[in-house]
Amino acid sequence: MALRFVGIDPNTGDANCPSVWIDERDGSFVIQGWEVVDPGERAEIAARSAILEHERIVRIPARMRDILLEACSAQPVDDVR
């Protein structure tokens, strides 16, 4: 399998999202999270970067910071294609 699980929200309780994965083919991050649907937040994001039809904005809690850092250091920069 090309996706490697890095971690899940430690407060998830029943193994639901959010979670972080690494695509081992190209080193990219795959993030599962809560979709941001608040119109104000979406407008704030869209003002800086257009939200395309095929894109979703997800939120993951700050308590997952260590999991994200682990994902960032999972593969040396020289190995990322």
PDB file of N, CA and C in Angstrom:
ATOM      1  N   MET A   1       0.846  -1.184   0.000  1.00  0.00           N
ATOM      2  CA  MET A   1       0.000   0.000   0.000  1.00  0.00           C
ATOM      3  C   MET A   1       0.883   1.236   0.000  1.00  0.00           C
ATOM      4  N   ALA A   2       0.514   2.236  -0.743  1.00  0.00           N
ATOM      5  CA  ALA A   2       1.321   3.439  -0.886  1.00  0.00           C
ATOM      6  C   ALA A   2       1.134   4.427   0.259  1.00  0.00           C
ATOM      7  N   LEU A   3       0.022   4.351   0.986  1.00  0.00           N
ATOM      8  CA  LEU A   3      -0.206   5.282   2.092  1.00  0.00           C
ATOM      9  C   LEU A   3       0.275   4.670   3.399  1.00  0.00           C
ATOM     10  N   ARG A   4       1.079   5.450   4.131  1.00  0.00           N
ATOM     11  CA  ARG A   4       1.573   5.009   5.439  1.00  0.00           C
ATOM     12  C   ARG A   4       0.922   5.852   6.520  1.00  0.00           C
ATOM     13  N   PHE A   5       0.244   5.209   7.443  1.00  0.00           N
ATOM     14  CA  PHE A   5      -0.413   5.876   8.556  1.00  0.00           C
ATOM     15  C   PHE A   5       0.637   6.476   9.485  1.00  0.00           C
ATOM     16  N   VAL A   6       0.445   7.751   9.861  1.00  0.00           N
ATOM     17  CA  VAL A   6       1.360   8.411  10.787  1.00  0.00           C
ATOM     18  C   VAL A   6       0.715   8.539  12.164  1.00  0.00           C
ATOM     19  N   GLY A   7      -0.540   9.002  12.206  1.00  0.00           N
ATOM     20  CA  GLY A   7      -1.182   9.144  13.499  1.00  0.00           C
ATOM     21  C   GLY A   7      -2.610   9.628  13.391  1.00  0.00           C
ATOM     22  N   ILE A   8      -3.311   9.478  14.517  1.00  0.00           N
ATOM     23  CA  ILE A   8      -4.718   9.865  14.606  1.00  0.00           C
ATOM     24  C   ILE A   8      -4.894  10.740  15.837  1.00  0.00           C
ATOM     25  N   ASP A   9      -5.898  11.567  15.829  1.00  0.00           N
ATOM     26  CA  ASP A   9      -6.203  12.436  16.964  1.00  0.00           C
ATOM     27  C   ASP A   9      -6.243  11.600  18.238  1.00  0.00           C
ATOM     28  N   PRO A  10      -5.413  11.913  19.229  1.00  0.00           N
ATOM     29  CA  PRO A  10      -5.390  11.114  20.449  1.00  0.00           C
ATOM     30  C   PRO A  10      -6.689  11.183  21.246  1.00  0.00           C
ATOM     31  N   ASN A  11      -7.519  12.154  20.963  1.00  0.00           N
ATOM     32  CA  ASN A  11      -8.803  12.282  21.667  1.00  0.00           C
ATOM     33  C   ASN A  11      -9.974  11.746  20.855  1.00  0.00           C
ATOM     34  N   THR A  12      -9.690  10.991  19.806  1.00  0.00           N
ATOM     35  CA  THR A  12     -10.749  10.529  18.925  1.00  0.00           C
ATOM     36  C   THR A  12     -11.714   9.557  19.601  1.00  0.00           C
ATOM     37  N   GLY A  13     -11.227   8.758  20.521  1.00  0.00           N
ATOM     38  CA  GLY A  13     -12.105   7.868  21.270  1.00  0.00           C
ATOM     39  C   GLY A  13     -12.495   6.594  20.561  1.00  0.00           C
ATOM     40  N   ASP A  14     -12.958   6.681  19.335  1.00  0.00           N
ATOM     41  CA  ASP A  14     -13.431   5.475  18.654  1.00  0.00           C
ATOM     42  C   ASP A  14     -12.794   5.291  17.278  1.00  0.00           C
ATOM     43  N   ALA A  15     -11.546   5.727  17.161  1.00  0.00           N
ATOM     44  CA  ALA A  15     -10.747   5.524  15.936  1.00  0.00           C
ATOM     45  C   ALA A  15     -11.305   6.230  14.712  1.00  0.00           C
ATOM     46  N   ASN A  16     -11.965   7.349  14.896  1.00  0.00           N
ATOM     47  CA  ASN A  16     -12.411   8.172  13.768  1.00  0.00           C
ATOM     48  C   ASN A  16     -11.369   9.242  13.485  1.00  0.00           C
ATOM     49  N   CYS A  17     -11.660  10.078  12.521  1.00  0.00           N
ATOM     50  CA  CYS A  17     -10.714  11.118  12.133  1.00  0.00           C
ATOM     51  C   CYS A  17     -10.581  12.162  13.235  1.00  0.00           C
ATOM     52  N   PRO A  18      -9.669  13.082  13.123  1.00  0.00           N
ATOM     53  CA  PRO A  18      -8.716  13.328  12.051  1.00  0.00           C
ATOM     54  C   PRO A  18      -7.508  12.379  12.104  1.00  0.00           C
ATOM     55  N   SER A  19      -6.874  12.250  10.943  1.00  0.00           N
ATOM     56  CA  SER A  19      -5.675  11.424  10.873  1.00  0.00           C
ATOM     57  C   SER A  19      -4.724  11.972   9.821  1.00  0.00           C
ATOM     58  N   VAL A  20      -3.465  11.537   9.906  1.00  0.00           N
ATOM     59  CA  VAL A  20      -2.414  12.000   9.014  1.00  0.00           C
ATOM     60  C   VAL A  20      -1.744  10.781   8.385  1.00  0.00           C
ATOM     61  N   TRP A  21      -1.500  10.876   7.104  1.00  0.00           N
ATOM     62  CA  TRP A  21      -0.887   9.800   6.324  1.00  0.00           C
ATOM     63  C   TRP A  21       0.220  10.388   5.457  1.00  0.00           C
ATOM     64  N   ILE A  22       1.155   9.548   5.018  1.00  0.00           N
ATOM     65  CA  ILE A  22       2.195   9.927   4.059  1.00  0.00           C
ATOM     66  C   ILE A  22       2.036   9.027   2.836  1.00  0.00           C
ATOM     67  N   ASP A  23       2.044   9.650   1.660  1.00  0.00           N
ATOM     68  CA  ASP A  23       2.047   8.867   0.424  1.00  0.00           C
ATOM     69  C   ASP A  23       3.492   8.475   0.156  1.00  0.00           C
ATOM     70  N   GLU A  24       3.796   7.216   0.266  1.00  0.00           N
ATOM     71  CA  GLU A  24       5.170   6.753   0.129  1.00  0.00           C
ATOM     72  C   GLU A  24       5.685   6.834  -1.306  1.00  0.00           C
ATOM     73  N   ARG A  25       4.802   7.033  -2.265  1.00  0.00           N
ATOM     74  CA  ARG A  25       5.256   7.172  -3.653  1.00  0.00           C
ATOM     75  C   ARG A  25       5.923   8.521  -3.889  1.00  0.00           C
ATOM     76  N   ASP A  26       5.334   9.594  -3.324  1.00  0.00           N
ATOM     77  CA  ASP A  26       5.877  10.928  -3.611  1.00  0.00           C
ATOM     78  C   ASP A  26       6.139  11.773  -2.364  1.00  0.00           C
ATOM     79  N   GLY A  27       5.890  11.225  -1.177  1.00  0.00           N
ATOM     80  CA  GLY A  27       6.164  11.952   0.057  1.00  0.00           C
ATOM     81  C   GLY A  27       5.122  12.979   0.443  1.00  0.00           C
ATOM     82  N   SER A  28       4.023  13.056  -0.298  1.00  0.00           N
ATOM     83  CA  SER A  28       3.008  14.055   0.024  1.00  0.00           C
ATOM     84  C   SER A  28       2.193  13.636   1.250  1.00  0.00           C
ATOM     85  N   PHE A  29       1.577  14.618   1.869  1.00  0.00           N
ATOM     86  CA  PHE A  29       0.748  14.392   3.044  1.00  0.00           C
ATOM     87  C   PHE A  29      -0.693  14.145   2.627  1.00  0.00           C
ATOM     88  N   VAL A  30      -1.359  13.246   3.305  1.00  0.00           N
ATOM     89  CA  VAL A  30      -2.794  13.024   3.118  1.00  0.00           C
ATOM     90  C   VAL A  30      -3.419  13.277   4.485  1.00  0.00           C
ATOM     91  N   ILE A  31      -4.323  14.241   4.537  1.00  0.00           N
ATOM     92  CA  ILE A  31      -4.919  14.674   5.796  1.00  0.00           C
ATOM     93  C   ILE A  31      -6.410  14.366   5.783  1.00  0.00           C
ATOM     94  N   GLN A  32      -6.860  13.694   6.818  1.00  0.00           N
ATOM     95  CA  GLN A  32      -8.288  13.461   7.016  1.00  0.00           C
ATOM     96  C   GLN A  32      -8.689  14.315   8.202  1.00  0.00           C
ATOM     97  N   GLY A  33      -9.696  15.146   8.017  1.00  0.00           N
ATOM     98  CA  GLY A  33     -10.104  16.028   9.099  1.00  0.00           C
ATOM     99  C   GLY A  33     -11.543  16.467   8.963  1.00  0.00           C
ATOM    100  N   TRP A  34     -11.907  17.420   9.794  1.00  0.00           N
ATOM    101  CA  TRP A  34     -13.266  17.956   9.772  1.00  0.00           C
ATOM    102  C   TRP A  34     -13.330  19.036   8.704  1.00  0.00           C
ATOM    103  N   GLU A  35     -14.281  18.938   7.796  1.00  0.00           N
ATOM    104  CA  GLU A  35     -14.394  19.932   6.740  1.00  0.00           C
ATOM    105  C   GLU A  35     -14.800  21.281   7.334  1.00  0.00           C
ATOM    106  N   VAL A  36     -14.126  22.321   6.882  1.00  0.00           N
ATOM    107  CA  VAL A  36     -14.455  23.684   7.299  1.00  0.00           C
ATOM    108  C   VAL A  36     -15.628  24.145   6.456  1.00  0.00           C
ATOM    109  N   VAL A  37     -16.748  24.389   7.100  1.00  0.00           N
ATOM    110  CA  VAL A  37     -17.954  24.805   6.381  1.00  0.00           C
ATOM    111  C   VAL A  37     -18.418  26.205   6.780  1.00  0.00           C
ATOM    112  N   ASP A  38     -17.803  26.786   7.805  1.00  0.00           N
ATOM    113  CA  ASP A  38     -18.174  28.126   8.257  1.00  0.00           C
ATOM    114  C   ASP A  38     -17.929  29.127   7.123  1.00  0.00           C
ATOM    115  N   PRO A  39     -18.983  29.852   6.681  1.00  0.00           N
ATOM    116  CA  PRO A  39     -18.833  30.771   5.553  1.00  0.00           C
ATOM    117  C   PRO A  39     -17.770  31.849   5.787  1.00  0.00           C
ATOM    118  N   GLY A  40     -17.670  32.351   6.997  1.00  0.00           N
ATOM    119  CA  GLY A  40     -16.677  33.374   7.293  1.00  0.00           C
ATOM    120  C   GLY A  40     -15.254  32.851   7.160  1.00  0.00           C
ATOM    121  N   GLU A  41     -15.018  31.658   7.688  1.00  0.00           N
ATOM    122  CA  GLU A  41     -13.683  31.056   7.580  1.00  0.00           C
ATOM    123  C   GLU A  41     -13.341  30.735   6.132  1.00  0.00           C
ATOM    124  N   ARG A  42     -14.322  30.229   5.400  1.00  0.00           N
ATOM    125  CA  ARG A  42     -14.086  29.909   3.986  1.00  0.00           C
ATOM    126  C   ARG A  42     -13.794  31.175   3.185  1.00  0.00           C
ATOM    127  N   ALA A  43     -14.509  32.256   3.477  1.00  0.00           N
ATOM    128  CA  ALA A  43     -14.275  33.520   2.777  1.00  0.00           C
ATOM    129  C   ALA A  43     -12.877  34.057   3.085  1.00  0.00           C
ATOM    130  N   GLU A  44     -12.463  33.926   4.342  1.00  0.00           N
ATOM    131  CA  GLU A  44     -11.128  34.383   4.728  1.00  0.00           C
ATOM    132  C   GLU A  44     -10.049  33.615   3.972  1.00  0.00           C
ATOM    133  N   ILE A  45     -10.237  32.313   3.839  1.00  0.00           N
ATOM    134  CA  ILE A  45      -9.277  31.483   3.106  1.00  0.00           C
ATOM    135  C   ILE A  45      -9.326  31.806   1.618  1.00  0.00           C
ATOM    136  N   ALA A  46     -10.535  31.906   1.067  1.00  0.00           N
ATOM    137  CA  ALA A  46     -10.700  32.163  -0.369  1.00  0.00           C
ATOM    138  C   ALA A  46     -10.131  33.520  -0.767  1.00  0.00           C
ATOM    139  N   ALA A  47     -10.104  34.483   0.155  1.00  0.00           N
ATOM    140  CA  ALA A  47      -9.544  35.793  -0.146  1.00  0.00           C
ATOM    141  C   ALA A  47      -8.043  35.701  -0.424  1.00  0.00           C
ATOM    142  N   ARG A  48      -7.400  34.712   0.123  1.00  0.00           N
ATOM    143  CA  ARG A  48      -5.956  34.528  -0.051  1.00  0.00           C
ATOM    144  C   ARG A  48      -5.632  33.472  -1.111  1.00  0.00           C
ATOM    145  N   SER A  49      -6.474  32.425  -1.191  1.00  0.00           N
ATOM    146  CA  SER A  49      -6.217  31.311  -2.095  1.00  0.00           C
ATOM    147  C   SER A  49      -7.558  30.727  -2.535  1.00  0.00           C
ATOM    148  N   ALA A  50      -7.839  30.808  -3.826  1.00  0.00           N
ATOM    149  CA  ALA A  50      -9.117  30.314  -4.345  1.00  0.00           C
ATOM    150  C   ALA A  50      -9.346  28.867  -3.938  1.00  0.00           C
ATOM    151  N   ILE A  51     -10.582  28.535  -3.598  1.00  0.00           N
ATOM    152  CA  ILE A  51     -10.960  27.165  -3.252  1.00  0.00           C
ATOM    153  C   ILE A  51     -11.598  26.558  -4.499  1.00  0.00           C
ATOM    154  N   LEU A  52     -10.882  25.660  -5.127  1.00  0.00           N
ATOM    155  CA  LEU A  52     -11.379  25.055  -6.357  1.00  0.00           C
ATOM    156  C   LEU A  52     -12.445  24.007  -6.053  1.00  0.00           C
ATOM    157  N   GLU A  53     -13.230  23.676  -7.055  1.00  0.00           N
ATOM    158  CA  GLU A  53     -14.351  22.744  -6.900  1.00  0.00           C
ATOM    159  C   GLU A  53     -13.922  21.398  -6.327  1.00  0.00           C
ATOM    160  N   HIS A  54     -12.755  20.919  -6.711  1.00  0.00           N
ATOM    161  CA  HIS A  54     -12.289  19.599  -6.265  1.00  0.00           C
ATOM    162  C   HIS A  54     -11.517  19.654  -4.941  1.00  0.00           C
ATOM    163  N   GLU A  55     -11.397  20.832  -4.331  1.00  0.00           N
ATOM    164  CA  GLU A  55     -10.643  20.979  -3.087  1.00  0.00           C
ATOM    165  C   GLU A  55     -11.561  21.048  -1.872  1.00  0.00           C
ATOM    166  N   ARG A  56     -11.033  20.602  -0.745  1.00  0.00           N
ATOM    167  CA  ARG A  56     -11.733  20.701   0.538  1.00  0.00           C
ATOM    168  C   ARG A  56     -10.774  21.308   1.542  1.00  0.00           C
ATOM    169  N   ILE A  57     -11.293  22.079   2.455  1.00  0.00           N
ATOM    170  CA  ILE A  57     -10.503  22.647   3.541  1.00  0.00           C
ATOM    171  C   ILE A  57     -10.826  21.832   4.774  1.00  0.00           C
ATOM    172  N   VAL A  58      -9.797  21.313   5.407  1.00  0.00           N
ATOM    173  CA  VAL A  58     -10.019  20.505   6.600  1.00  0.00           C
ATOM    174  C   VAL A  58      -9.314  21.121   7.796  1.00  0.00           C
ATOM    175  N   ARG A  59      -9.857  20.840   8.949  1.00  0.00           N
ATOM    176  CA  ARG A  59      -9.293  21.308  10.213  1.00  0.00           C
ATOM    177  C   ARG A  59      -8.851  20.094  11.014  1.00  0.00           C
ATOM    178  N   ILE A  60      -7.660  20.213  11.577  1.00  0.00           N
ATOM    179  CA  ILE A  60      -7.213  19.204  12.538  1.00  0.00           C
ATOM    180  C   ILE A  60      -6.818  19.959  13.803  1.00  0.00           C
ATOM    181  N   PRO A  61      -7.059  19.371  14.950  1.00  0.00           N
ATOM    182  CA  PRO A  61      -6.832  20.088  16.206  1.00  0.00           C
ATOM    183  C   PRO A  61      -5.349  20.296  16.520  1.00  0.00           C
ATOM    184  N   ALA A  62      -5.072  21.356  17.261  1.00  0.00           N
ATOM    185  CA  ALA A  62      -3.697  21.682  17.652  1.00  0.00           C
ATOM    186  C   ALA A  62      -3.042  20.544  18.420  1.00  0.00           C
ATOM    187  N   ARG A  63      -3.833  19.739  19.100  1.00  0.00           N
ATOM    188  CA  ARG A  63      -3.246  18.629  19.867  1.00  0.00           C
ATOM    189  C   ARG A  63      -2.572  17.595  18.967  1.00  0.00           C
ATOM    190  N   MET A  64      -2.779  17.703  17.655  1.00  0.00           N
ATOM    191  CA  MET A  64      -2.141  16.786  16.718  1.00  0.00           C
ATOM    192  C   MET A  64      -0.822  17.347  16.174  1.00  0.00           C
ATOM    193  N   ARG A  65      -0.338  18.428  16.745  1.00  0.00           N
ATOM    194  CA  ARG A  65       0.892  19.072  16.283  1.00  0.00           C
ATOM    195  C   ARG A  65       2.060  18.081  16.209  1.00  0.00           C
ATOM    196  N   ASP A  66       2.218  17.263  17.228  1.00  0.00           N
ATOM    197  CA  ASP A  66       3.326  16.300  17.225  1.00  0.00           C
ATOM    198  C   ASP A  66       3.191  15.281  16.098  1.00  0.00           C
ATOM    199  N   ILE A  67       1.966  14.907  15.778  1.00  0.00           N
ATOM    200  CA  ILE A  67       1.739  13.962  14.678  1.00  0.00           C
ATOM    201  C   ILE A  67       2.127  14.609  13.351  1.00  0.00           C
ATOM    202  N   LEU A  68       1.780  15.881  13.178  1.00  0.00           N
ATOM    203  CA  LEU A  68       2.166  16.593  11.956  1.00  0.00           C
ATOM    204  C   LEU A  68       3.682  16.748  11.862  1.00  0.00           C
ATOM    205  N   LEU A  69       4.318  17.054  12.988  1.00  0.00           N
ATOM    206  CA  LEU A  69       5.778  17.160  12.987  1.00  0.00           C
ATOM    207  C   LEU A  69       6.423  15.826  12.650  1.00  0.00           C
ATOM    208  N   GLU A  70       5.851  14.746  13.153  1.00  0.00           N
ATOM    209  CA  GLU A  70       6.364  13.416  12.814  1.00  0.00           C
ATOM    210  C   GLU A  70       6.240  13.165  11.317  1.00  0.00           C
ATOM    211  N   ALA A  71       5.108  13.554  10.744  1.00  0.00           N
ATOM    212  CA  ALA A  71       4.916  13.377   9.305  1.00  0.00           C
ATOM    213  C   ALA A  71       5.927  14.214   8.518  1.00  0.00           C
ATOM    214  N   CYS A  72       6.198  15.425   9.002  1.00  0.00           N
ATOM    215  CA  CYS A  72       7.156  16.298   8.312  1.00  0.00           C
ATOM    216  C   CYS A  72       8.567  15.725   8.340  1.00  0.00           C
ATOM    217  N   SER A  73       8.890  15.023   9.386  1.00  0.00           N
ATOM    218  CA  SER A  73      10.245  14.486   9.495  1.00  0.00           C
ATOM    219  C   SER A  73      10.329  13.016   9.076  1.00  0.00           C
ATOM    220  N   ALA A  74       9.248  12.473   8.564  1.00  0.00           N
ATOM    221  CA  ALA A  74       9.203  11.055   8.229  1.00  0.00           C
ATOM    222  C   ALA A  74      10.088  10.696   7.052  1.00  0.00           C
ATOM    223  N   GLN A  75      10.342  11.652   6.189  1.00  0.00           N
ATOM    224  CA  GLN A  75      11.107  11.368   4.987  1.00  0.00           C
ATOM    225  C   GLN A  75      12.081  12.521   4.765  1.00  0.00           C
ATOM    226  N   PRO A  76      13.362  12.243   4.586  1.00  0.00           N
ATOM    227  CA  PRO A  76      14.339  13.311   4.335  1.00  0.00           C
ATOM    228  C   PRO A  76      13.946  14.127   3.107  1.00  0.00           C
ATOM    229  N   VAL A  77      14.205  15.417   3.157  1.00  0.00           N
ATOM    230  CA  VAL A  77      13.835  16.306   2.070  1.00  0.00           C
ATOM    231  C   VAL A  77      14.456  15.852   0.752  1.00  0.00           C
ATOM    232  N   ASP A  78      15.672  15.326   0.775  1.00  0.00           N
ATOM    233  CA  ASP A  78      16.344  14.875  -0.445  1.00  0.00           C
ATOM    234  C   ASP A  78      15.603  13.726  -1.119  1.00  0.00           C
ATOM    235  N   ASP A  79      14.817  12.959  -0.338  1.00  0.00           N
ATOM    236  CA  ASP A  79      14.106  11.814  -0.887  1.00  0.00           C
ATOM    237  C   ASP A  79      12.744  12.179  -1.472  1.00  0.00           C
ATOM    238  N   VAL A  80      12.264  13.370  -1.199  1.00  0.00           N
ATOM    239  CA  VAL A  80      10.945  13.784  -1.687  1.00  0.00           C
ATOM    240  C   VAL A  80      11.080  14.165  -3.154  1.00  0.00           C
ATOM    241  N   ARG A  81      10.192  13.599  -3.941  1.00  0.00           N
ATOM    242  CA  ARG A  81      10.233  13.849  -5.394  1.00  0.00           C
ATOM    243  C   ARG A  81       9.369  15.003  -5.757  1.00  0.00           C
TER     244      ARG A  81
END
